[in-house]
Amino acid sequence: MTKQVITKTEKQLTAKIIEGASAPERILRDMWRLRLDFLNLSISEEEDWLKFSEICKRHNTLLITFVDKQGELQGYYTFAFNPTEHQQKKALLIHAKYYYVRPAYRGHPKITSSSWKLLPGMIWRFGFRQIYFVAFSFPTSYVSLSRTFGRVMAIQDAGTPDWEKVVLEDYAASQTGEDWDQKQKLIINQNIPVGENRPTSNNIEDLRLQYLSNNPNWTSGISMPIMMKFDFATIKSILKTSLRRKKRL
């Protein structure tokens, strides 16, 4: 059987930004169905749909979708914006709760560059604050975000500053409720992404081992909250990643 090859022209994507609170159910259903291809659910599909749609429609949440030339959904991510203040320091936590892209379009530069368009609106809505990206990670997402941002911070890491540890823990606990494991600082009862046990190269394996040192029992459906500081070093790392991905197309 001949493997289908998608040409550069066919790989064109259009990014669409949608306010989660007013998102049509049709779009949410398309997003949810795409998501099911990449997960082993730990709950029923009905329960998962209700939880997924509720999270996507929360206040201050944006859905960033990517459609091909035929108008079919090929991927998306969600951003939830959460202004916070601790010890008189203000920050904006941007939580990328959902991020799914079909294999043929992974690494597409449009996906990385789309987030830059959100900056003016963030500043207008929340003012000038230190920005942090937050994710509830499994090994693959931890590795990917480490390579994209240059560095990630976990509550368990000795090198994570105290301010960031407190803010990240408060946010994770507030978002996950009964699924928050206060002792381990981890999130239980999570759906496990498909393909988490694929072989890796040596440099990726080093990052994977870092993750395992903090969350060795992730195969039981346990994820780890992490955060990434958005500063000049991060911008340089993201731009380098975007350039590398653009050259690959």
C-alpha atoms as a PDB file:
ATOM      1  CA  MET A   1       0.000   0.000   0.000  1.00  0.00           C
ATOM      2  CA  THR A   2       1.444   3.379  -1.039  1.00  0.00           C
ATOM      3  CA  LYS A   3       1.781   5.922   1.746  1.00  0.00           C
ATOM      4  CA  GLN A   4      -0.052   9.179   1.015  1.00  0.00           C
ATOM      5  CA  VAL A   5       2.274  12.179   0.839  1.00  0.00           C
ATOM      6  CA  ILE A   6       0.866  15.623   1.628  1.00  0.00           C
ATOM      7  CA  THR A   7       2.589  18.353  -0.394  1.00  0.00           C
ATOM      8  CA  LYS A   8       3.624  21.737   0.956  1.00  0.00           C
ATOM      9  CA  THR A   9       0.704  23.425  -0.820  1.00  0.00           C
ATOM     10  CA  GLU A  10      -1.756  20.904   0.573  1.00  0.00           C
ATOM     11  CA  LYS A  11      -0.386  21.504   4.066  1.00  0.00           C
ATOM     12  CA  GLN A  12      -1.674  25.065   4.117  1.00  0.00           C
ATOM     13  CA  LEU A  13      -3.622  25.819   7.278  1.00  0.00           C
ATOM     14  CA  THR A  14      -5.887  28.654   8.295  1.00  0.00           C
ATOM     15  CA  ALA A  15      -5.995  29.642  11.967  1.00  0.00           C
ATOM     16  CA  LYS A  16      -9.323  30.695  13.459  1.00  0.00           C
ATOM     17  CA  ILE A  17      -9.689  32.233  16.929  1.00  0.00           C
ATOM     18  CA  ILE A  18     -13.010  31.644  18.693  1.00  0.00           C
ATOM     19  CA  GLU A  19     -14.292  32.860  22.060  1.00  0.00           C
ATOM     20  CA  GLY A  20     -14.992  29.700  24.007  1.00  0.00           C
ATOM     21  CA  ALA A  21     -18.096  31.078  25.748  1.00  0.00           C
ATOM     22  CA  SER A  22     -19.834  31.613  22.399  1.00  0.00           C
ATOM     23  CA  ALA A  23     -18.418  28.643  20.472  1.00  0.00           C
ATOM     24  CA  PRO A  24     -21.029  26.727  18.418  1.00  0.00           C
ATOM     25  CA  GLU A  25     -21.622  23.142  19.534  1.00  0.00           C
ATOM     26  CA  ARG A  26     -20.720  21.922  16.021  1.00  0.00           C
ATOM     27  CA  ILE A  27     -17.175  23.235  16.405  1.00  0.00           C
ATOM     28  CA  LEU A  28     -16.851  21.867  19.925  1.00  0.00           C
ATOM     29  CA  ARG A  29     -18.045  18.454  18.726  1.00  0.00           C
ATOM     30  CA  ASP A  30     -15.454  18.459  15.906  1.00  0.00           C
ATOM     31  CA  MET A  31     -12.727  19.329  18.402  1.00  0.00           C
ATOM     32  CA  TRP A  32     -13.865  16.652  20.826  1.00  0.00           C
ATOM     33  CA  ARG A  33     -14.033  13.942  18.150  1.00  0.00           C
ATOM     34  CA  LEU A  34     -10.511  14.788  16.959  1.00  0.00           C
ATOM     35  CA  ARG A  35      -9.328  14.548  20.555  1.00  0.00           C
ATOM     36  CA  LEU A  36     -10.704  11.023  20.955  1.00  0.00           C
ATOM     37  CA  ASP A  37      -8.198   9.772  18.341  1.00  0.00           C
ATOM     38  CA  PHE A  38      -5.329  10.588  20.716  1.00  0.00           C
ATOM     39  CA  LEU A  39      -6.601   9.398  24.108  1.00  0.00           C
ATOM     40  CA  ASN A  40      -7.374   6.301  26.110  1.00  0.00           C
ATOM     41  CA  LEU A  41     -10.397   7.522  28.062  1.00  0.00           C
ATOM     42  CA  SER A  42     -10.627   6.732  31.761  1.00  0.00           C
ATOM     43  CA  ILE A  43     -14.305   7.788  31.845  1.00  0.00           C
ATOM     44  CA  SER A  44     -17.290   7.314  29.526  1.00  0.00           C
ATOM     45  CA  GLU A  45     -17.525   9.296  26.269  1.00  0.00           C
ATOM     46  CA  GLU A  46     -20.626  11.100  27.561  1.00  0.00           C
ATOM     47  CA  GLU A  47     -18.847  12.181  30.745  1.00  0.00           C
ATOM     48  CA  ASP A  48     -15.792  13.220  28.761  1.00  0.00           C
ATOM     49  CA  TRP A  49     -17.859  15.299  26.320  1.00  0.00           C
ATOM     50  CA  LEU A  50     -19.617  17.150  29.134  1.00  0.00           C
ATOM     51  CA  LYS A  51     -16.318  17.878  30.888  1.00  0.00           C
ATOM     52  CA  PHE A  52     -14.594  18.909  27.632  1.00  0.00           C
ATOM     53  CA  SER A  53     -17.348  21.287  26.502  1.00  0.00           C
ATOM     54  CA  GLU A  54     -17.632  22.865  29.965  1.00  0.00           C
ATOM     55  CA  ILE A  55     -13.901  23.618  30.076  1.00  0.00           C
ATOM     56  CA  CYS A  56     -13.849  25.003  26.508  1.00  0.00           C
ATOM     57  CA  LYS A  57     -16.748  27.374  27.244  1.00  0.00           C
ATOM     58  CA  ARG A  58     -15.296  28.872  30.426  1.00  0.00           C
ATOM     59  CA  HIS A  59     -14.867  32.622  30.824  1.00  0.00           C
ATOM     60  CA  ASN A  60     -11.615  34.052  29.349  1.00  0.00           C
ATOM     61  CA  THR A  61     -10.997  30.972  27.212  1.00  0.00           C
ATOM     62  CA  LEU A  62     -10.045  31.067  23.530  1.00  0.00           C
ATOM     63  CA  LEU A  63     -10.158  28.208  21.040  1.00  0.00           C
ATOM     64  CA  ILE A  64      -7.521  28.368  18.309  1.00  0.00           C
ATOM     65  CA  THR A  65      -8.434  25.997  15.492  1.00  0.00           C
ATOM     66  CA  PHE A  66      -6.564  25.027  12.324  1.00  0.00           C
ATOM     67  CA  VAL A  67      -8.443  24.010   9.190  1.00  0.00           C
ATOM     68  CA  ASP A  68      -7.076  22.821   5.844  1.00  0.00           C
ATOM     69  CA  LYS A  69      -7.995  23.982   2.327  1.00  0.00           C
ATOM     70  CA  GLN A  70     -11.100  21.787   2.415  1.00  0.00           C
ATOM     71  CA  GLY A  71     -12.248  23.361   5.682  1.00  0.00           C
ATOM     72  CA  GLU A  72     -11.586  20.230   7.741  1.00  0.00           C
ATOM     73  CA  LEU A  73     -10.264  20.549  11.282  1.00  0.00           C
ATOM     74  CA  GLN A  74      -6.658  19.324  11.483  1.00  0.00           C
ATOM     75  CA  GLY A  75      -5.765  20.552  14.956  1.00  0.00           C
ATOM     76  CA  TYR A  76      -6.417  23.039  17.720  1.00  0.00           C
ATOM     77  CA  TYR A  77      -5.338  24.301  21.099  1.00  0.00           C
ATOM     78  CA  THR A  78      -7.123  26.198  23.843  1.00  0.00           C
ATOM     79  CA  PHE A  79      -5.882  29.099  25.954  1.00  0.00           C
ATOM     80  CA  ALA A  80      -7.498  29.967  29.292  1.00  0.00           C
ATOM     81  CA  PHE A  81      -6.364  33.328  30.689  1.00  0.00           C
ATOM     82  CA  ASN A  82      -6.090  33.584  34.459  1.00  0.00           C
ATOM     83  CA  PRO A  83      -4.853  36.841  36.050  1.00  0.00           C
ATOM     84  CA  THR A  84      -3.268  36.221  39.445  1.00  0.00           C
ATOM     85  CA  GLU A  85      -1.458  38.104  42.210  1.00  0.00           C
ATOM     86  CA  HIS A  86       0.828  36.797  44.953  1.00  0.00           C
ATOM     87  CA  GLN A  87       3.040  38.817  47.299  1.00  0.00           C
ATOM     88  CA  GLN A  88       2.116  42.019  45.420  1.00  0.00           C
ATOM     89  CA  LYS A  89       3.413  40.588  42.139  1.00  0.00           C
ATOM     90  CA  LYS A  90       0.879  40.351  39.316  1.00  0.00           C
ATOM     91  CA  ALA A  91       1.017  37.752  36.570  1.00  0.00           C
ATOM     92  CA  LEU A  92      -1.102  36.235  33.833  1.00  0.00           C
ATOM     93  CA  LEU A  93      -1.298  32.451  33.677  1.00  0.00           C
ATOM     94  CA  ILE A  94      -2.148  31.102  30.227  1.00  0.00           C
ATOM     95  CA  HIS A  95      -3.296  27.509  30.471  1.00  0.00           C
ATOM     96  CA  ALA A  96      -3.056  25.409  27.322  1.00  0.00           C
ATOM     97  CA  LYS A  97      -5.501  22.757  28.521  1.00  0.00           C
ATOM     98  CA  TYR A  98      -6.091  21.038  25.174  1.00  0.00           C
ATOM     99  CA  TYR A  99      -3.617  20.687  22.307  1.00  0.00           C
ATOM    100  CA  TYR A 100      -4.209  18.169  19.510  1.00  0.00           C
ATOM    101  CA  VAL A 101      -2.868  18.127  15.949  1.00  0.00           C
ATOM    102  CA  ARG A 102      -3.151  15.371  13.363  1.00  0.00           C
ATOM    103  CA  PRO A 103       0.251  13.712  12.672  1.00  0.00           C
ATOM    104  CA  ALA A 104       0.580  15.055   9.110  1.00  0.00           C
ATOM    105  CA  TYR A 105       0.391  18.641  10.394  1.00  0.00           C
ATOM    106  CA  ARG A 106       2.493  18.426  13.560  1.00  0.00           C
ATOM    107  CA  GLY A 107       5.311  20.966  13.630  1.00  0.00           C
ATOM    108  CA  HIS A 108       3.453  23.257  11.190  1.00  0.00           C
ATOM    109  CA  PRO A 109       4.782  26.844  11.672  1.00  0.00           C
ATOM    110  CA  LYS A 110       1.250  28.272  11.545  1.00  0.00           C
ATOM    111  CA  ILE A 111       0.492  26.561  14.856  1.00  0.00           C
ATOM    112  CA  THR A 112       3.386  28.230  16.679  1.00  0.00           C
ATOM    113  CA  SER A 113       3.032  31.628  15.000  1.00  0.00           C
ATOM    114  CA  SER A 114      -0.709  31.850  15.695  1.00  0.00           C
ATOM    115  CA  SER A 115      -0.099  32.591  19.374  1.00  0.00           C
ATOM    116  CA  TRP A 116       1.709  35.859  18.568  1.00  0.00           C
ATOM    117  CA  LYS A 117      -1.547  37.323  17.246  1.00  0.00           C
ATOM    118  CA  LEU A 118      -3.055  36.960  20.701  1.00  0.00           C
ATOM    119  CA  LEU A 119      -0.545  39.235  22.470  1.00  0.00           C
ATOM    120  CA  PRO A 120      -2.176  42.633  21.683  1.00  0.00           C
ATOM    121  CA  GLY A 121      -5.546  41.377  22.898  1.00  0.00           C
ATOM    122  CA  MET A 122      -4.025  39.951  26.089  1.00  0.00           C
ATOM    123  CA  ILE A 123      -2.370  43.259  26.937  1.00  0.00           C
ATOM    124  CA  TRP A 124      -5.570  45.163  26.178  1.00  0.00           C
ATOM    125  CA  ARG A 125      -7.676  42.869  28.360  1.00  0.00           C
ATOM    126  CA  PHE A 126      -5.337  42.214  31.298  1.00  0.00           C
ATOM    127  CA  GLY A 127      -2.721  44.995  31.182  1.00  0.00           C
ATOM    128  CA  PHE A 128       1.033  44.528  31.346  1.00  0.00           C
ATOM    129  CA  ARG A 129       1.764  41.485  33.525  1.00  0.00           C
ATOM    130  CA  GLN A 130       4.452  38.846  33.638  1.00  0.00           C
ATOM    131  CA  ILE A 131       3.150  36.011  31.471  1.00  0.00           C
ATOM    132  CA  TYR A 132       3.460  32.324  32.323  1.00  0.00           C
ATOM    133  CA  PHE A 133       2.227  29.408  30.252  1.00  0.00           C
ATOM    134  CA  VAL A 134       0.808  26.496  32.249  1.00  0.00           C
ATOM    135  CA  ALA A 135       0.224  22.880  31.200  1.00  0.00           C
ATOM    136  CA  PHE A 136      -0.776  19.639  32.887  1.00  0.00           C
ATOM    137  CA  SER A 137       1.809  17.384  31.298  1.00  0.00           C
ATOM    138  CA  PHE A 138       2.583  13.792  30.413  1.00  0.00           C
ATOM    139  CA  PRO A 139       6.076  12.791  29.167  1.00  0.00           C
ATOM    140  CA  THR A 140       5.522  13.720  25.498  1.00  0.00           C
ATOM    141  CA  SER A 141       4.084  17.176  26.197  1.00  0.00           C
ATOM    142  CA  TYR A 142       6.775  17.810  28.818  1.00  0.00           C
ATOM    143  CA  VAL A 143       9.504  17.035  26.277  1.00  0.00           C
ATOM    144  CA  SER A 144       7.844  19.095  23.535  1.00  0.00           C
ATOM    145  CA  LEU A 145       7.337  22.150  25.766  1.00  0.00           C
ATOM    146  CA  SER A 146      10.873  21.879  27.159  1.00  0.00           C
ATOM    147  CA  ARG A 147      12.285  21.993  23.635  1.00  0.00           C
ATOM    148  CA  THR A 148       9.987  24.815  22.524  1.00  0.00           C
ATOM    149  CA  PHE A 149      10.384  27.093  25.555  1.00  0.00           C
ATOM    150  CA  GLY A 150      13.935  26.167  26.514  1.00  0.00           C
ATOM    151  CA  ARG A 151      12.977  25.442  30.120  1.00  0.00           C
ATOM    152  CA  VAL A 152       9.955  24.311  32.100  1.00  0.00           C
ATOM    153  CA  MET A 153       9.319  24.582  35.846  1.00  0.00           C
ATOM    154  CA  ALA A 154       7.663  21.954  38.024  1.00  0.00           C
ATOM    155  CA  ILE A 155       6.676  22.226  41.681  1.00  0.00           C
ATOM    156  CA  GLN A 156       8.943  19.253  42.438  1.00  0.00           C
ATOM    157  CA  ASP A 157      12.064  20.858  40.924  1.00  0.00           C
ATOM    158  CA  ALA A 158      14.527  22.390  43.390  1.00  0.00           C
ATOM    159  CA  GLY A 159      15.397  25.049  40.817  1.00  0.00           C
ATOM    160  CA  THR A 160      11.846  26.376  40.549  1.00  0.00           C
ATOM    161  CA  PRO A 161      11.565  29.703  42.455  1.00  0.00           C
ATOM    162  CA  ASP A 162       9.251  29.761  45.482  1.00  0.00           C
ATOM    163  CA  TRP A 163       6.910  32.349  43.942  1.00  0.00           C
ATOM    164  CA  GLU A 164       6.321  30.190  40.882  1.00  0.00           C
ATOM    165  CA  LYS A 165       5.850  27.056  43.017  1.00  0.00           C
ATOM    166  CA  VAL A 166       3.118  28.677  45.111  1.00  0.00           C
ATOM    167  CA  VAL A 167       1.274  30.157  42.129  1.00  0.00           C
ATOM    168  CA  LEU A 168       1.453  26.954  40.102  1.00  0.00           C
ATOM    169  CA  GLU A 169       0.240  24.799  42.985  1.00  0.00           C
ATOM    170  CA  ASP A 170      -2.651  27.158  43.819  1.00  0.00           C
ATOM    171  CA  TYR A 171      -3.747  27.206  40.193  1.00  0.00           C
ATOM    172  CA  ALA A 172      -3.484  23.438  39.673  1.00  0.00           C
ATOM    173  CA  ALA A 173      -5.387  22.720  42.891  1.00  0.00           C
ATOM    174  CA  SER A 174      -8.162  25.191  42.033  1.00  0.00           C
ATOM    175  CA  GLN A 175      -8.591  23.785  38.526  1.00  0.00           C
ATOM    176  CA  THR A 176      -8.560  20.074  39.328  1.00  0.00           C
ATOM    177  CA  GLY A 177     -10.498  19.917  42.620  1.00  0.00           C
ATOM    178  CA  GLU A 178     -10.743  16.384  43.975  1.00  0.00           C
ATOM    179  CA  ASP A 179      -8.224  15.159  41.392  1.00  0.00           C
ATOM    180  CA  TRP A 180      -5.453  17.202  43.019  1.00  0.00           C
ATOM    181  CA  ASP A 181      -3.017  15.050  45.013  1.00  0.00           C
ATOM    182  CA  GLN A 182      -1.787  17.464  47.685  1.00  0.00           C
ATOM    183  CA  LYS A 183       0.974  15.157  48.873  1.00  0.00           C
ATOM    184  CA  GLN A 184       2.546  14.443  45.476  1.00  0.00           C
ATOM    185  CA  LYS A 185       1.604  17.807  43.884  1.00  0.00           C
ATOM    186  CA  LEU A 186       0.255  15.862  40.911  1.00  0.00           C
ATOM    187  CA  ILE A 187      -3.114  15.396  39.180  1.00  0.00           C
ATOM    188  CA  ILE A 188      -4.830  12.000  39.302  1.00  0.00           C
ATOM    189  CA  ASN A 189      -7.658  10.411  37.265  1.00  0.00           C
ATOM    190  CA  GLN A 190      -6.414  11.804  33.947  1.00  0.00           C
ATOM    191  CA  ASN A 191      -6.869  10.460  30.409  1.00  0.00           C
ATOM    192  CA  ILE A 192      -3.562   9.171  29.036  1.00  0.00           C
ATOM    193  CA  PRO A 193      -2.518  10.391  25.547  1.00  0.00           C
ATOM    194  CA  VAL A 194      -1.940   7.665  22.961  1.00  0.00           C
ATOM    195  CA  GLY A 195       1.673   6.977  21.959  1.00  0.00           C
ATOM    196  CA  GLU A 196       3.369   8.003  25.185  1.00  0.00           C
ATOM    197  CA  ASN A 197       5.683   4.960  25.146  1.00  0.00           C
ATOM    198  CA  ARG A 198       7.220   5.487  21.697  1.00  0.00           C
ATOM    199  CA  PRO A 199      11.042   5.145  21.387  1.00  0.00           C
ATOM    200  CA  THR A 200      12.982   8.412  21.680  1.00  0.00           C
ATOM    201  CA  SER A 201      16.378   9.805  20.705  1.00  0.00           C
ATOM    202  CA  ASN A 202      19.074  10.339  23.340  1.00  0.00           C
ATOM    203  CA  ASN A 203      18.490  14.066  23.907  1.00  0.00           C
ATOM    204  CA  ILE A 204      14.737  13.545  24.147  1.00  0.00           C
ATOM    205  CA  GLU A 205      15.272  10.618  26.491  1.00  0.00           C
ATOM    206  CA  ASP A 206      17.197  12.906  28.889  1.00  0.00           C
ATOM    207  CA  LEU A 207      14.153  15.170  29.145  1.00  0.00           C
ATOM    208  CA  ARG A 208      11.878  12.177  29.531  1.00  0.00           C
ATOM    209  CA  LEU A 209      13.984  10.924  32.437  1.00  0.00           C
ATOM    210  CA  GLN A 210      13.693  14.341  34.084  1.00  0.00           C
ATOM    211  CA  TYR A 211       9.931  13.986  33.880  1.00  0.00           C
ATOM    212  CA  LEU A 212       9.976  10.438  35.264  1.00  0.00           C
ATOM    213  CA  SER A 213      12.028  11.546  38.265  1.00  0.00           C
ATOM    214  CA  ASN A 214       9.081  13.763  39.295  1.00  0.00           C
ATOM    215  CA  ASN A 215       6.162  11.639  38.085  1.00  0.00           C
ATOM    216  CA  PRO A 216       7.194   7.967  37.780  1.00  0.00           C
ATOM    217  CA  ASN A 217       3.616   6.623  37.963  1.00  0.00           C
ATOM    218  CA  TRP A 218       2.159   8.629  35.070  1.00  0.00           C
ATOM    219  CA  THR A 219       0.892   5.434  33.390  1.00  0.00           C
ATOM    220  CA  SER A 220      -1.760   5.273  36.120  1.00  0.00           C
ATOM    221  CA  GLY A 221      -3.336   8.430  34.675  1.00  0.00           C
ATOM    222  CA  ILE A 222      -1.305  10.970  36.675  1.00  0.00           C
ATOM    223  CA  SER A 223      -0.213  14.252  35.086  1.00  0.00           C
ATOM    224  CA  MET A 224       2.217  16.899  36.330  1.00  0.00           C
ATOM    225  CA  PRO A 225       1.561  20.663  36.310  1.00  0.00           C
ATOM    226  CA  ILE A 226       4.355  22.729  34.786  1.00  0.00           C
ATOM    227  CA  MET A 227       4.833  26.380  33.892  1.00  0.00           C
ATOM    228  CA  MET A 228       6.992  28.294  31.424  1.00  0.00           C
ATOM    229  CA  LYS A 229       7.998  31.938  31.895  1.00  0.00           C
ATOM    230  CA  PHE A 230       7.444  34.119  28.847  1.00  0.00           C
ATOM    231  CA  ASP A 231      10.555  36.305  28.675  1.00  0.00           C
ATOM    232  CA  PHE A 232      13.249  37.269  26.161  1.00  0.00           C
ATOM    233  CA  ALA A 233      15.034  33.923  26.428  1.00  0.00           C
ATOM    234  CA  THR A 234      11.732  32.133  25.828  1.00  0.00           C
ATOM    235  CA  ILE A 235      10.948  34.290  22.797  1.00  0.00           C
ATOM    236  CA  LYS A 236      14.346  33.439  21.265  1.00  0.00           C
ATOM    237  CA  SER A 237      13.763  29.732  21.852  1.00  0.00           C
ATOM    238  CA  ILE A 238      10.248  29.836  20.357  1.00  0.00           C
ATOM    239  CA  LEU A 239      11.467  31.745  17.284  1.00  0.00           C
ATOM    240  CA  LYS A 240      14.262  29.206  16.733  1.00  0.00           C
ATOM    241  CA  THR A 241      11.747  26.375  17.007  1.00  0.00           C
ATOM    242  CA  SER A 242       9.388  28.082  14.562  1.00  0.00           C
ATOM    243  CA  LEU A 243      12.196  28.628  12.056  1.00  0.00           C
ATOM    244  CA  ARG A 244      13.300  25.012  12.322  1.00  0.00           C
ATOM    245  CA  ARG A 245       9.759  23.805  11.711  1.00  0.00           C
ATOM    246  CA  LYS A 246       9.251  26.153   8.770  1.00  0.00           C
ATOM    247  CA  LYS A 247      12.389  24.793   7.073  1.00  0.00           C
ATOM    248  CA  ARG A 248      11.084  21.249   7.452  1.00  0.00           C
ATOM    249  CA  LEU A 249       7.969  21.969   5.368  1.00  0.00           C
END
